N, C-alpha and C. Protein backbone atom coordinates (compact mmCIF):
# COMPACT_ATOMS: atom_id res chain seq x y z
N MET A 1 -12.28 -33.36 8.70
CA MET A 1 -11.94 -33.09 8.16
C MET A 1 -10.85 -31.37 7.51
N PRO A 2 -10.39 -31.45 7.62
CA PRO A 2 -9.88 -29.82 7.27
C PRO A 2 -10.43 -29.01 6.39
N LYS A 3 -10.47 -27.73 6.38
CA LYS A 3 -11.03 -27.21 4.98
C LYS A 3 -9.64 -26.55 4.75
N ILE A 4 -10.00 -26.02 3.31
CA ILE A 4 -9.12 -24.35 2.58
C ILE A 4 -9.78 -23.70 2.67
N VAL A 5 -9.36 -22.75 3.42
CA VAL A 5 -10.07 -21.73 3.70
C VAL A 5 -9.10 -20.57 2.66
N LEU A 6 -10.03 -19.84 1.48
CA LEU A 6 -9.57 -18.46 1.02
C LEU A 6 -9.87 -17.30 2.20
N MET A 7 -8.89 -17.01 2.60
CA MET A 7 -8.38 -15.69 3.27
C MET A 7 -7.93 -14.78 2.56
N MET A 8 -8.96 -13.12 2.09
CA MET A 8 -8.09 -12.02 1.49
C MET A 8 -9.19 -10.83 2.34
N SER A 9 -8.24 -9.70 2.21
CA SER A 9 -8.45 -8.42 1.89
C SER A 9 -9.24 -7.94 1.04
N LEU A 10 -10.59 -6.96 0.99
CA LEU A 10 -11.02 -6.08 -0.05
C LEU A 10 -11.64 -4.65 0.06
N SER A 11 -11.76 -3.96 -0.55
CA SER A 11 -12.71 -3.02 -0.59
C SER A 11 -13.37 -2.95 -0.93
N LEU A 12 -15.11 -1.85 -0.31
CA LEU A 12 -15.89 -2.10 -0.51
C LEU A 12 -16.47 -2.47 -1.83
N ASP A 13 -15.81 -1.91 -2.76
CA ASP A 13 -15.78 -2.15 -3.91
C ASP A 13 -15.25 -3.32 -4.93
N GLY A 14 -14.61 -4.29 -4.25
CA GLY A 14 -14.35 -5.83 -4.39
C GLY A 14 -13.01 -5.51 -5.08
N TYR A 15 -12.11 -4.76 -4.65
CA TYR A 15 -10.76 -4.99 -4.79
C TYR A 15 -10.03 -5.39 -4.04
N PHE A 16 -8.95 -6.41 -4.34
CA PHE A 16 -7.79 -6.97 -2.90
C PHE A 16 -6.38 -6.02 -3.57
N GLU A 17 -6.46 -5.34 -4.56
CA GLU A 17 -5.06 -4.47 -4.53
C GLU A 17 -5.26 -3.69 -5.29
N GLY A 18 -5.13 -2.20 -4.90
CA GLY A 18 -4.92 -0.86 -6.32
C GLY A 18 -3.97 -1.06 -7.30
N PRO A 19 -4.02 -0.55 -8.42
CA PRO A 19 -2.87 -0.11 -9.30
C PRO A 19 -1.21 -0.10 -8.71
N ASP A 20 -0.59 -1.04 -9.26
CA ASP A 20 0.51 -1.18 -8.77
C ASP A 20 0.89 -2.16 -8.05
N ARG A 21 0.02 -3.08 -7.59
CA ARG A 21 -0.14 -3.40 -6.78
C ARG A 21 -0.36 -2.74 -4.83
N ASP A 22 -0.91 -1.96 -5.26
CA ASP A 22 -0.41 -1.24 -3.47
C ASP A 22 -2.24 -1.56 -2.91
N ILE A 23 -1.65 -1.60 -1.39
CA ILE A 23 -2.49 -2.48 -1.15
C ILE A 23 -2.09 -1.31 0.53
N SER A 24 -1.91 -0.11 0.27
CA SER A 24 -1.56 0.97 1.36
C SER A 24 -2.82 0.88 2.58
N TRP A 25 -3.74 1.17 1.86
CA TRP A 25 -5.30 1.06 1.73
C TRP A 25 -5.71 0.36 3.20
N HIS A 26 -5.19 -0.86 3.29
CA HIS A 26 -5.71 -2.18 3.73
C HIS A 26 -5.72 -1.62 5.43
N ARG A 27 -6.71 -1.50 6.23
CA ARG A 27 -6.89 -1.42 7.59
C ARG A 27 -6.71 -2.55 8.87
N VAL A 28 -4.94 -2.35 8.74
CA VAL A 28 -4.07 -3.54 9.68
C VAL A 28 -4.01 -3.11 11.42
N ASP A 29 -4.86 -2.65 11.71
CA ASP A 29 -4.30 -1.89 13.42
C ASP A 29 -3.84 -3.50 14.06
N ASP A 30 -3.87 -2.84 15.51
CA ASP A 30 -3.76 -4.53 16.36
C ASP A 30 -4.31 -5.35 16.20
N GLU A 31 -5.85 -5.05 16.52
CA GLU A 31 -6.55 -5.96 17.12
C GLU A 31 -7.03 -6.70 15.79
N LEU A 32 -6.72 -6.00 14.49
CA LEU A 32 -6.91 -7.18 12.92
C LEU A 32 -5.82 -8.21 13.35
N HIS A 33 -4.83 -7.54 13.20
CA HIS A 33 -3.53 -8.38 13.10
C HIS A 33 -3.73 -9.56 14.27
N GLN A 34 -3.71 -9.42 15.30
CA GLN A 34 -4.34 -10.31 16.58
C GLN A 34 -4.94 -11.05 16.26
N HIS A 35 -6.30 -11.19 15.74
CA HIS A 35 -7.16 -11.68 15.03
C HIS A 35 -6.53 -12.88 14.14
N PHE A 36 -5.80 -11.51 12.72
CA PHE A 36 -4.85 -12.78 11.84
C PHE A 36 -3.87 -14.18 12.44
N ASN A 37 -3.37 -13.51 13.46
CA ASN A 37 -2.18 -14.52 14.05
C ASN A 37 -2.80 -15.40 14.80
N ASP A 38 -4.15 -15.51 15.51
CA ASP A 38 -5.07 -16.30 16.14
C ASP A 38 -5.81 -17.32 15.36
N VAL A 39 -6.09 -17.37 14.25
CA VAL A 39 -6.33 -17.59 12.77
C VAL A 39 -5.24 -18.54 12.34
N VAL A 40 -4.34 -18.05 12.05
CA VAL A 40 -3.22 -18.52 11.11
C VAL A 40 -2.67 -19.90 12.18
N ARG A 41 -2.42 -19.39 13.22
CA ARG A 41 -2.07 -19.72 14.53
C ARG A 41 -2.12 -21.47 14.40
N GLN A 42 -3.55 -21.28 14.40
CA GLN A 42 -4.42 -23.23 14.62
C GLN A 42 -4.25 -23.95 13.35
N MET A 43 -3.14 -23.11 12.21
CA MET A 43 -3.36 -23.51 10.72
C MET A 43 -2.90 -24.85 10.54
N GLY A 44 -2.92 -25.78 9.94
CA GLY A 44 -2.40 -26.80 9.12
C GLY A 44 -0.98 -26.71 8.32
N GLY A 45 -1.39 -25.19 7.65
CA GLY A 45 -0.70 -25.02 6.64
C GLY A 45 -1.28 -23.62 5.68
N ILE A 46 -0.23 -23.16 4.80
CA ILE A 46 -0.54 -21.90 4.29
C ILE A 46 -0.12 -22.35 2.88
N LEU A 47 -1.56 -21.81 1.90
CA LEU A 47 -1.17 -22.69 0.57
C LEU A 47 -1.06 -20.92 -0.49
N HIS A 48 0.11 -20.69 -0.92
CA HIS A 48 0.65 -19.34 -1.94
C HIS A 48 1.19 -19.58 -3.36
N GLY A 49 0.43 -19.02 -4.06
CA GLY A 49 1.58 -18.51 -5.36
C GLY A 49 2.71 -17.89 -5.48
N ARG A 50 3.27 -18.09 -6.03
CA ARG A 50 4.57 -17.82 -6.55
C ARG A 50 4.73 -16.12 -5.52
N VAL A 51 4.13 -15.30 -6.24
CA VAL A 51 4.18 -13.67 -6.23
C VAL A 51 3.83 -13.56 -4.13
N THR A 52 2.70 -13.97 -4.41
CA THR A 52 2.59 -13.77 -2.77
C THR A 52 3.36 -14.38 -2.00
N TYR A 53 4.20 -15.39 -2.15
CA TYR A 53 4.77 -16.38 -1.31
C TYR A 53 6.55 -15.28 -1.34
N GLU A 54 6.41 -15.16 -2.30
CA GLU A 54 8.07 -14.10 -2.34
C GLU A 54 8.15 -12.35 -1.89
N LEU A 55 6.47 -12.14 -1.36
CA LEU A 55 6.28 -10.83 -0.97
C LEU A 55 6.21 -11.48 0.64
N MET A 56 6.33 -11.87 0.88
CA MET A 56 5.82 -12.77 2.31
C MET A 56 7.47 -13.20 2.46
N ALA A 57 7.94 -13.96 1.73
CA ALA A 57 9.45 -14.31 2.30
C ALA A 57 10.81 -12.98 2.21
N ASP A 58 10.15 -11.66 1.27
CA ASP A 58 10.58 -10.87 1.60
C ASP A 58 10.92 -10.16 2.75
N PHE A 59 9.99 -10.06 3.87
CA PHE A 59 9.65 -9.09 5.13
C PHE A 59 9.57 -10.52 6.00
N TRP A 60 8.96 -10.91 6.27
CA TRP A 60 8.70 -11.65 7.62
C TRP A 60 9.33 -12.72 8.32
N PRO A 61 10.43 -13.14 7.95
CA PRO A 61 11.62 -14.22 7.95
C PRO A 61 12.45 -13.41 8.86
N THR A 62 12.38 -12.58 8.99
CA THR A 62 13.44 -11.36 9.99
C THR A 62 12.78 -10.33 10.41
N ALA A 63 11.17 -10.16 10.19
CA ALA A 63 10.46 -9.09 10.58
C ALA A 63 10.53 -8.70 12.20
N ASP A 64 10.75 -10.06 13.24
CA ASP A 64 10.99 -9.77 14.60
C ASP A 64 12.33 -9.29 15.28
N ALA A 65 13.17 -9.28 14.00
CA ALA A 65 14.68 -8.25 14.54
C ALA A 65 14.50 -7.06 14.84
N ASP A 66 13.04 -6.79 13.97
CA ASP A 66 13.07 -5.22 14.20
C ASP A 66 12.82 -4.95 15.67
N PRO A 67 13.40 -4.10 16.87
CA PRO A 67 12.68 -3.47 17.83
C PRO A 67 11.85 -3.03 17.99
N ASP A 68 11.50 -2.12 16.98
CA ASP A 68 10.52 -0.89 16.75
C ASP A 68 9.21 -1.55 16.49
N ILE A 69 8.83 -3.33 15.55
CA ILE A 69 8.09 -3.47 15.33
C ILE A 69 6.84 -4.09 15.93
N PRO A 70 5.62 -3.27 15.93
CA PRO A 70 4.57 -3.63 16.91
C PRO A 70 4.73 -5.80 16.93
N ALA A 71 3.69 -5.37 18.69
CA ALA A 71 3.90 -6.51 19.30
C ALA A 71 3.25 -7.79 18.42
N THR A 72 2.06 -7.21 17.86
CA THR A 72 1.46 -8.51 16.79
C THR A 72 1.82 -8.61 15.58
N MET A 73 2.89 -7.67 14.81
CA MET A 73 3.71 -8.41 13.87
C MET A 73 4.85 -9.16 14.29
N ALA A 74 5.61 -8.54 15.03
CA ALA A 74 6.50 -9.58 15.80
C ALA A 74 6.09 -11.50 15.76
N GLU A 75 4.64 -11.18 16.70
CA GLU A 75 3.93 -12.23 17.22
C GLU A 75 4.64 -13.74 15.74
N PHE A 76 3.34 -12.38 14.80
CA PHE A 76 3.05 -13.38 13.46
C PHE A 76 3.92 -13.32 12.93
N ALA A 77 5.44 -13.33 12.67
CA ALA A 77 6.44 -13.61 12.55
C ALA A 77 7.65 -14.90 12.60
N GLY A 78 7.17 -15.04 13.75
CA GLY A 78 7.78 -16.71 14.60
C GLY A 78 6.42 -17.52 13.84
N ILE A 79 5.10 -16.96 13.68
CA ILE A 79 4.24 -17.72 13.03
C ILE A 79 4.26 -18.59 11.66
N TRP A 80 4.79 -17.20 11.11
CA TRP A 80 4.66 -17.60 9.30
C TRP A 80 6.02 -18.11 9.04
N ARG A 81 7.28 -18.23 9.97
CA ARG A 81 8.13 -18.95 10.26
C ARG A 81 8.44 -20.42 10.78
N GLU A 82 7.35 -20.89 11.59
CA GLU A 82 7.23 -22.63 11.36
C GLU A 82 5.78 -23.16 10.99
N ILE A 83 5.09 -22.24 10.70
CA ILE A 83 4.31 -22.93 9.54
C ILE A 83 4.53 -23.53 8.77
N PRO A 84 4.11 -24.88 8.08
CA PRO A 84 4.10 -26.05 6.42
C PRO A 84 3.61 -24.59 6.01
N LYS A 85 4.55 -23.99 4.63
CA LYS A 85 3.71 -23.58 3.45
C LYS A 85 4.31 -24.48 2.02
N TYR A 86 3.18 -24.33 1.24
CA TYR A 86 2.95 -24.86 0.15
C TYR A 86 3.15 -23.82 -1.16
N VAL A 87 3.80 -23.28 -2.01
CA VAL A 87 3.87 -22.46 -2.73
C VAL A 87 4.18 -23.42 -4.11
N TYR A 88 3.13 -22.54 -4.84
CA TYR A 88 2.48 -23.23 -6.04
C TYR A 88 3.27 -22.32 -7.56
N SER A 89 4.65 -23.02 -7.70
CA SER A 89 5.35 -22.64 -8.62
C SER A 89 6.14 -23.32 -9.90
N ARG A 90 5.65 -23.04 -11.27
CA ARG A 90 6.43 -23.76 -12.28
C ARG A 90 7.77 -23.03 -12.45
N LYS A 91 8.09 -22.31 -11.68
CA LYS A 91 9.17 -21.38 -12.06
C LYS A 91 10.89 -21.35 -10.80
N LEU A 92 9.85 -21.88 -9.56
CA LEU A 92 10.46 -22.08 -8.43
C LEU A 92 11.57 -23.56 -8.50
N ASP A 93 12.10 -23.79 -7.46
CA ASP A 93 12.92 -25.61 -7.14
C ASP A 93 13.06 -25.16 -6.09
N HIS A 94 13.65 -24.05 -5.43
CA HIS A 94 13.40 -24.47 -3.76
C HIS A 94 13.00 -22.98 -3.47
N ALA A 95 12.90 -23.70 -2.30
CA ALA A 95 12.04 -22.38 -1.03
C ALA A 95 12.47 -22.67 0.20
N ASP A 96 12.80 -21.55 1.06
CA ASP A 96 13.40 -21.87 2.72
C ASP A 96 11.86 -21.68 3.35
N TRP A 97 12.52 -21.45 4.48
CA TRP A 97 11.64 -21.20 5.60
C TRP A 97 10.44 -22.54 5.85
N ASN A 98 10.80 -23.26 5.80
CA ASN A 98 9.38 -24.89 6.01
C ASN A 98 8.27 -24.35 4.76
N THR A 99 8.67 -24.47 3.33
CA THR A 99 8.51 -24.37 2.28
C THR A 99 8.67 -25.29 1.52
N THR A 100 7.43 -26.48 1.09
CA THR A 100 7.02 -27.22 0.28
C THR A 100 6.94 -26.64 -1.42
N VAL A 101 7.53 -26.41 -2.37
CA VAL A 101 7.18 -26.62 -3.76
C VAL A 101 6.48 -27.18 -4.47
N VAL A 102 5.45 -26.37 -4.90
CA VAL A 102 4.54 -27.47 -5.80
C VAL A 102 4.51 -27.13 -7.23
N HIS A 103 4.44 -27.64 -7.93
CA HIS A 103 4.52 -27.25 -9.74
C HIS A 103 3.47 -27.07 -10.14
N GLU A 104 2.31 -27.59 -9.93
CA GLU A 104 1.36 -28.03 -10.30
C GLU A 104 -0.02 -27.93 -9.25
N VAL A 105 -0.78 -27.76 -9.70
CA VAL A 105 -2.55 -27.71 -9.19
C VAL A 105 -3.46 -29.08 -9.27
N VAL A 106 -3.18 -30.14 -8.60
CA VAL A 106 -4.00 -31.74 -8.91
C VAL A 106 -4.74 -31.90 -7.95
N PRO A 107 -5.93 -31.71 -8.49
CA PRO A 107 -7.07 -31.56 -7.30
C PRO A 107 -6.95 -32.89 -6.13
N GLU A 108 -6.73 -34.06 -6.46
CA GLU A 108 -6.41 -35.41 -5.65
C GLU A 108 -5.52 -35.04 -4.63
N GLU A 109 -4.08 -34.53 -5.00
CA GLU A 109 -3.00 -34.02 -4.54
C GLU A 109 -2.95 -33.17 -3.15
N ILE A 110 -4.33 -32.42 -3.77
CA ILE A 110 -5.25 -30.91 -3.23
C ILE A 110 -5.69 -32.01 -1.71
N ARG A 111 -6.62 -32.51 -1.87
CA ARG A 111 -7.42 -33.47 -0.89
C ARG A 111 -6.70 -34.29 -0.71
N ALA A 112 -5.66 -34.82 -0.94
CA ALA A 112 -4.70 -35.98 -0.68
C ALA A 112 -3.96 -35.00 0.71
N LEU A 113 -3.55 -34.22 0.60
CA LEU A 113 -3.17 -33.40 1.40
C LEU A 113 -3.47 -32.47 2.87
N LYS A 114 -5.20 -32.21 2.12
CA LYS A 114 -6.15 -31.48 3.06
C LYS A 114 -5.93 -32.62 4.41
N GLU A 115 -6.11 -34.18 4.01
CA GLU A 115 -6.34 -35.15 5.06
C GLU A 115 -5.52 -35.81 5.44
N GLN A 116 -4.57 -34.77 5.71
CA GLN A 116 -3.34 -35.20 6.70
C GLN A 116 -2.41 -34.00 7.08
N ALA A 117 -3.32 -32.48 6.61
CA ALA A 117 -3.24 -31.58 8.01
C ALA A 117 -3.43 -31.64 8.83
N GLY A 118 -2.69 -31.13 9.95
CA GLY A 118 -2.98 -30.77 11.05
C GLY A 118 -4.14 -29.96 11.43
N GLY A 119 -4.63 -29.26 10.50
CA GLY A 119 -5.49 -27.98 10.52
C GLY A 119 -6.01 -27.64 9.07
N ASP A 120 -7.03 -26.54 8.71
CA ASP A 120 -7.35 -25.87 8.12
C ASP A 120 -5.87 -25.37 7.30
N LEU A 121 -6.03 -25.35 5.76
CA LEU A 121 -5.37 -24.85 5.05
C LEU A 121 -5.48 -23.50 4.50
N GLY A 122 -5.01 -23.00 4.96
CA GLY A 122 -5.21 -21.34 4.55
C GLY A 122 -4.53 -20.57 2.79
N LEU A 123 -5.59 -20.31 2.35
CA LEU A 123 -5.10 -19.94 0.92
C LEU A 123 -5.26 -18.46 0.68
N GLY A 124 -3.36 -18.04 0.40
CA GLY A 124 -3.63 -16.76 -0.56
C GLY A 124 -3.22 -16.35 -1.61
N GLY A 125 -3.41 -15.63 -2.53
CA GLY A 125 -2.74 -15.19 -3.55
C GLY A 125 -4.05 -15.34 -4.38
N ALA A 126 -4.43 -14.36 -5.44
CA ALA A 126 -5.97 -14.22 -6.49
C ALA A 126 -5.57 -14.88 -7.37
N ASP A 127 -4.07 -15.43 -7.74
CA ASP A 127 -4.29 -16.21 -9.15
C ASP A 127 -4.71 -17.27 -8.65
N LEU A 128 -3.65 -17.94 -7.57
CA LEU A 128 -3.95 -19.47 -7.01
C LEU A 128 -5.31 -19.47 -7.06
N ALA A 129 -6.47 -18.52 -5.77
CA ALA A 129 -7.53 -18.70 -5.88
C ALA A 129 -8.41 -18.94 -6.80
N ALA A 130 -8.17 -18.05 -8.00
CA ALA A 130 -8.73 -18.65 -9.08
C ALA A 130 -8.40 -19.59 -9.66
N THR A 131 -7.55 -20.81 -9.48
CA THR A 131 -7.38 -21.95 -10.16
C THR A 131 -8.24 -22.65 -9.43
N PHE A 132 -7.96 -22.68 -7.69
CA PHE A 132 -8.69 -23.10 -6.45
C PHE A 132 -9.83 -23.22 -6.87
N LEU A 133 -10.74 -22.10 -7.08
CA LEU A 133 -11.55 -22.06 -7.37
C LEU A 133 -12.64 -22.41 -8.38
N ARG A 134 -12.11 -22.77 -9.99
CA ARG A 134 -12.14 -23.02 -10.59
C ARG A 134 -12.29 -25.11 -10.72
N TYR A 135 -11.03 -25.40 -9.71
CA TYR A 135 -11.50 -26.58 -9.51
C TYR A 135 -12.76 -26.96 -8.12
N GLY A 136 -13.15 -25.95 -7.59
CA GLY A 136 -13.92 -26.13 -6.79
C GLY A 136 -13.43 -26.88 -5.38
N LEU A 137 -11.98 -25.95 -5.62
CA LEU A 137 -11.04 -26.54 -3.85
C LEU A 137 -11.76 -25.52 -2.43
N VAL A 138 -12.11 -25.24 -2.21
CA VAL A 138 -12.70 -23.65 -1.19
C VAL A 138 -13.31 -23.80 -0.67
N ASP A 139 -13.22 -24.12 0.16
CA ASP A 139 -14.25 -24.76 1.35
C ASP A 139 -14.77 -24.34 2.31
N GLU A 140 -13.85 -22.62 2.64
CA GLU A 140 -14.79 -21.26 3.02
C GLU A 140 -14.18 -20.31 2.74
N PHE A 141 -14.87 -19.48 3.09
CA PHE A 141 -14.50 -17.80 2.66
C PHE A 141 -14.38 -17.35 3.85
N ARG A 142 -13.10 -16.44 4.18
CA ARG A 142 -12.80 -15.13 5.05
C ARG A 142 -12.77 -14.33 4.33
N ILE A 143 -13.70 -13.44 3.92
CA ILE A 143 -13.30 -11.78 3.78
C ILE A 143 -13.49 -10.93 3.97
N TYR A 144 -12.35 -10.17 4.29
CA TYR A 144 -12.12 -9.41 5.29
C TYR A 144 -12.29 -7.87 4.32
N VAL A 145 -13.93 -6.83 4.45
CA VAL A 145 -14.11 -5.97 3.98
C VAL A 145 -13.59 -4.73 4.26
N HIS A 146 -13.17 -4.59 4.14
CA HIS A 146 -12.43 -2.33 4.53
C HIS A 146 -13.56 -1.65 3.72
N PRO A 147 -13.55 -0.56 4.70
CA PRO A 147 -14.37 0.35 5.04
C PRO A 147 -13.47 1.62 3.86
N VAL A 148 -13.08 0.97 2.38
CA VAL A 148 -12.30 2.11 1.70
C VAL A 148 -13.08 1.84 -0.10
N LEU A 149 -13.31 2.73 -0.78
CA LEU A 149 -13.58 2.23 -2.12
C LEU A 149 -11.97 2.82 -3.18
N VAL A 150 -11.69 1.59 -3.76
CA VAL A 150 -10.43 2.17 -4.49
C VAL A 150 -10.75 2.57 -5.79
N GLY A 151 -12.08 1.86 -6.55
CA GLY A 151 -12.09 2.42 -7.62
C GLY A 151 -11.33 1.85 -8.90
N ARG A 152 -10.05 0.96 -9.00
CA ARG A 152 -9.66 0.47 -9.77
C ARG A 152 -8.31 -0.17 -9.32
N GLY A 153 -7.86 -1.35 -10.01
CA GLY A 153 -7.00 -2.31 -9.55
C GLY A 153 -7.43 -3.74 -9.88
N ARG A 154 -7.00 -4.77 -9.33
CA ARG A 154 -7.23 -6.02 -8.90
C ARG A 154 -8.49 -6.89 -8.86
N GLN A 155 -9.32 -7.05 -9.34
CA GLN A 155 -10.96 -7.74 -9.01
C GLN A 155 -10.65 -9.21 -7.48
N LEU A 156 -11.05 -9.88 -6.97
CA LEU A 156 -10.46 -11.19 -6.12
C LEU A 156 -11.40 -11.67 -7.16
N PHE A 157 -13.02 -11.75 -8.04
CA PHE A 157 -13.85 -12.35 -8.37
C PHE A 157 -13.83 -12.09 -9.96
N PRO A 158 -12.86 -12.09 -10.30
CA PRO A 158 -13.57 -11.79 -11.74
C PRO A 158 -14.33 -12.50 -12.34
N LYS A 159 -14.49 -12.02 -13.61
CA LYS A 159 -16.08 -12.69 -14.45
C LYS A 159 -15.59 -13.38 -14.68
N ALA A 160 -16.21 -14.91 -14.87
CA ALA A 160 -16.01 -16.59 -15.38
C ALA A 160 -16.29 -15.89 -16.68
N GLU A 161 -15.34 -16.90 -17.28
CA GLU A 161 -15.33 -16.92 -19.16
C GLU A 161 -16.76 -17.78 -19.43
N ALA A 162 -17.23 -18.01 -20.25
CA ALA A 162 -18.36 -19.06 -20.84
C ALA A 162 -17.62 -20.79 -20.78
N GLU A 163 -16.44 -20.64 -21.35
CA GLU A 163 -15.96 -21.80 -21.22
C GLU A 163 -15.57 -22.71 -20.55
N ALA A 164 -15.49 -21.34 -19.17
CA ALA A 164 -15.13 -21.88 -17.67
C ALA A 164 -16.14 -22.17 -16.86
N GLY A 165 -17.34 -22.17 -17.55
CA GLY A 165 -18.92 -22.66 -16.23
C GLY A 165 -19.12 -21.32 -15.72
N ALA A 166 -19.45 -20.15 -16.82
CA ALA A 166 -19.95 -19.22 -16.54
C ALA A 166 -21.40 -19.50 -16.54
N GLY A 167 -21.81 -18.92 -15.20
CA GLY A 167 -23.69 -18.94 -14.41
C GLY A 167 -23.54 -20.25 -13.91
N ASP A 168 -22.73 -20.93 -13.39
CA ASP A 168 -22.88 -21.88 -12.32
C ASP A 168 -22.45 -21.68 -11.54
N VAL A 169 -24.05 -21.66 -10.03
CA VAL A 169 -23.98 -21.37 -8.93
C VAL A 169 -23.55 -21.70 -7.63
N THR A 170 -22.75 -21.33 -6.80
CA THR A 170 -22.27 -21.54 -5.52
C THR A 170 -23.03 -21.68 -4.70
N ALA A 171 -23.61 -22.20 -3.60
CA ALA A 171 -24.47 -21.83 -2.65
C ALA A 171 -23.46 -22.32 -1.52
N LEU A 172 -23.56 -21.04 -0.40
CA LEU A 172 -22.72 -20.76 0.74
C LEU A 172 -24.00 -20.22 1.74
N ARG A 173 -23.10 -20.57 2.57
CA ARG A 173 -24.19 -20.25 4.27
C ARG A 173 -22.59 -19.76 4.96
N LEU A 174 -23.66 -18.33 5.25
CA LEU A 174 -22.75 -17.06 6.27
C LEU A 174 -22.60 -18.26 7.60
N VAL A 175 -21.59 -18.08 8.06
CA VAL A 175 -21.66 -19.05 9.69
C VAL A 175 -21.16 -17.93 10.77
N GLU A 176 -20.47 -17.25 9.87
CA GLU A 176 -20.30 -15.91 11.19
C GLU A 176 -19.59 -14.02 10.37
N THR A 177 -20.03 -13.65 11.29
CA THR A 177 -19.46 -11.80 10.86
C THR A 177 -18.90 -11.51 12.31
N ARG A 178 -18.72 -10.65 11.85
CA ARG A 178 -17.33 -10.12 12.80
C ARG A 178 -16.97 -8.30 12.52
N THR A 179 -17.43 -7.60 13.10
CA THR A 179 -17.05 -5.63 13.07
C THR A 179 -16.16 -5.57 13.62
N PHE A 180 -14.75 -4.74 13.49
CA PHE A 180 -13.69 -4.74 14.31
C PHE A 180 -13.85 -3.07 14.65
N GLY A 181 -12.87 -3.09 15.17
CA GLY A 181 -13.12 -1.59 15.69
C GLY A 181 -12.88 -0.66 14.25
N ASN A 182 -11.90 -0.61 13.64
CA ASN A 182 -11.85 -0.18 12.48
C ASN A 182 -12.25 0.44 11.24
N GLY A 183 -13.30 -0.67 11.47
CA GLY A 183 -14.80 -0.15 10.59
C GLY A 183 -14.33 -1.64 9.37
N VAL A 184 -13.33 -2.66 9.55
CA VAL A 184 -13.40 -4.01 9.18
C VAL A 184 -14.67 -4.64 9.35
N VAL A 185 -15.02 -5.48 8.21
CA VAL A 185 -15.81 -6.38 8.64
C VAL A 185 -15.35 -7.68 8.01
N LEU A 186 -15.89 -8.81 8.98
CA LEU A 186 -15.03 -10.51 8.50
C LEU A 186 -16.55 -10.75 7.97
N LEU A 187 -16.60 -11.20 7.03
CA LEU A 187 -17.35 -11.98 6.22
C LEU A 187 -16.95 -13.59 6.29
N ARG A 188 -18.28 -14.53 6.70
CA ARG A 188 -17.48 -15.91 6.72
C ARG A 188 -17.97 -16.83 6.27
N TYR A 189 -17.90 -17.20 5.16
CA TYR A 189 -19.55 -18.58 4.32
C TYR A 189 -18.45 -19.91 4.54
N GLU A 190 -19.00 -21.00 4.46
CA GLU A 190 -19.45 -22.20 3.79
C GLU A 190 -19.68 -22.46 2.88
N ARG A 191 -18.62 -23.40 1.62
CA ARG A 191 -19.84 -23.99 0.92
C ARG A 191 -21.25 -25.07 1.49
N GLU A 192 -22.21 -24.74 0.66
CA GLU A 192 -22.79 -25.72 1.30
C GLU A 192 -22.91 -27.09 0.89
N LYS A 193 -22.86 -28.59 1.73
CA LYS A 193 -22.33 -29.56 1.60
C LYS A 193 -22.54 -29.95 -0.46
N GLU A 194 -24.09 -29.77 -0.61
CA GLU A 194 -24.24 -29.99 -2.37
C GLU A 194 -25.12 -28.79 -2.70
N ASP A 195 -24.24 -28.44 -3.66
CA ASP A 195 -24.72 -26.53 -4.57
C ASP A 195 -26.21 -27.25 -4.94
N LYS A 196 -27.00 -26.19 -4.70
CA LYS A 196 -28.54 -26.94 -5.48
C LYS A 196 -28.82 -25.87 -7.00
N ASP A 197 -29.77 -26.58 -7.58
CA ASP A 197 -29.79 -26.02 -8.80
C ASP A 197 -30.31 -24.80 -8.47
N VAL A 198 -30.58 -23.60 -9.16
CA VAL A 198 -31.35 -22.12 -8.61
C VAL A 198 -32.58 -22.49 -9.77
N THR A 199 -32.31 -23.49 -10.59
CA THR A 199 -33.85 -23.57 -11.90
C THR A 199 -34.70 -24.79 -11.56
N GLY A 200 -34.45 -25.28 -10.30
CA GLY A 200 -35.40 -26.17 -10.44
C GLY A 200 -35.43 -27.68 -11.16
N GLY A 201 -34.48 -27.96 -12.03
CA GLY A 201 -34.24 -29.39 -12.56
C GLY A 201 -33.27 -29.97 -12.06
N ARG A 202 -32.64 -31.10 -12.62
CA ARG A 202 -32.33 -31.72 -11.80
C ARG A 202 -31.27 -32.46 -12.58
């Protein structure tokens, strides 16, 4: 069955963006961009929150019209236009570029979408990812660790609140690592089939 894959770039100290949504520290060169292209091209769709979708939609639909854009970015523009997209938002009623607007994260609907997808579903956006994590809907993590220390900003994995189940352990299995020439390291984990009780209880 297709999986829901959380793909995020992080600094070594755990931030996905610095103050004022700064991601200028992301080290995306041609090698890494080509890797992203190859991964996303094989997916059955991508899942975005509204903010992430609007940032993508402001740039990628016409990015390859710029004759000076790098070839890897021009290639991704075509991939992004064509791939099915699902944007989760209570504010949007319509979105272009092969995009379906969904107003609520309903676990049963997500599981049904997985079953009919033609490939894995890529998940992006920290707020949406937090909701998917809370429901246990993320099957795989592709974390790209960039060789920088940001110091402050927003963290992908904020501390869990007590009422949200703080202290629960989710077992993961390392299935791939890859080091890119620019120093970025991919850590790819899958959820274990059954999370183990580390206390030894039943």
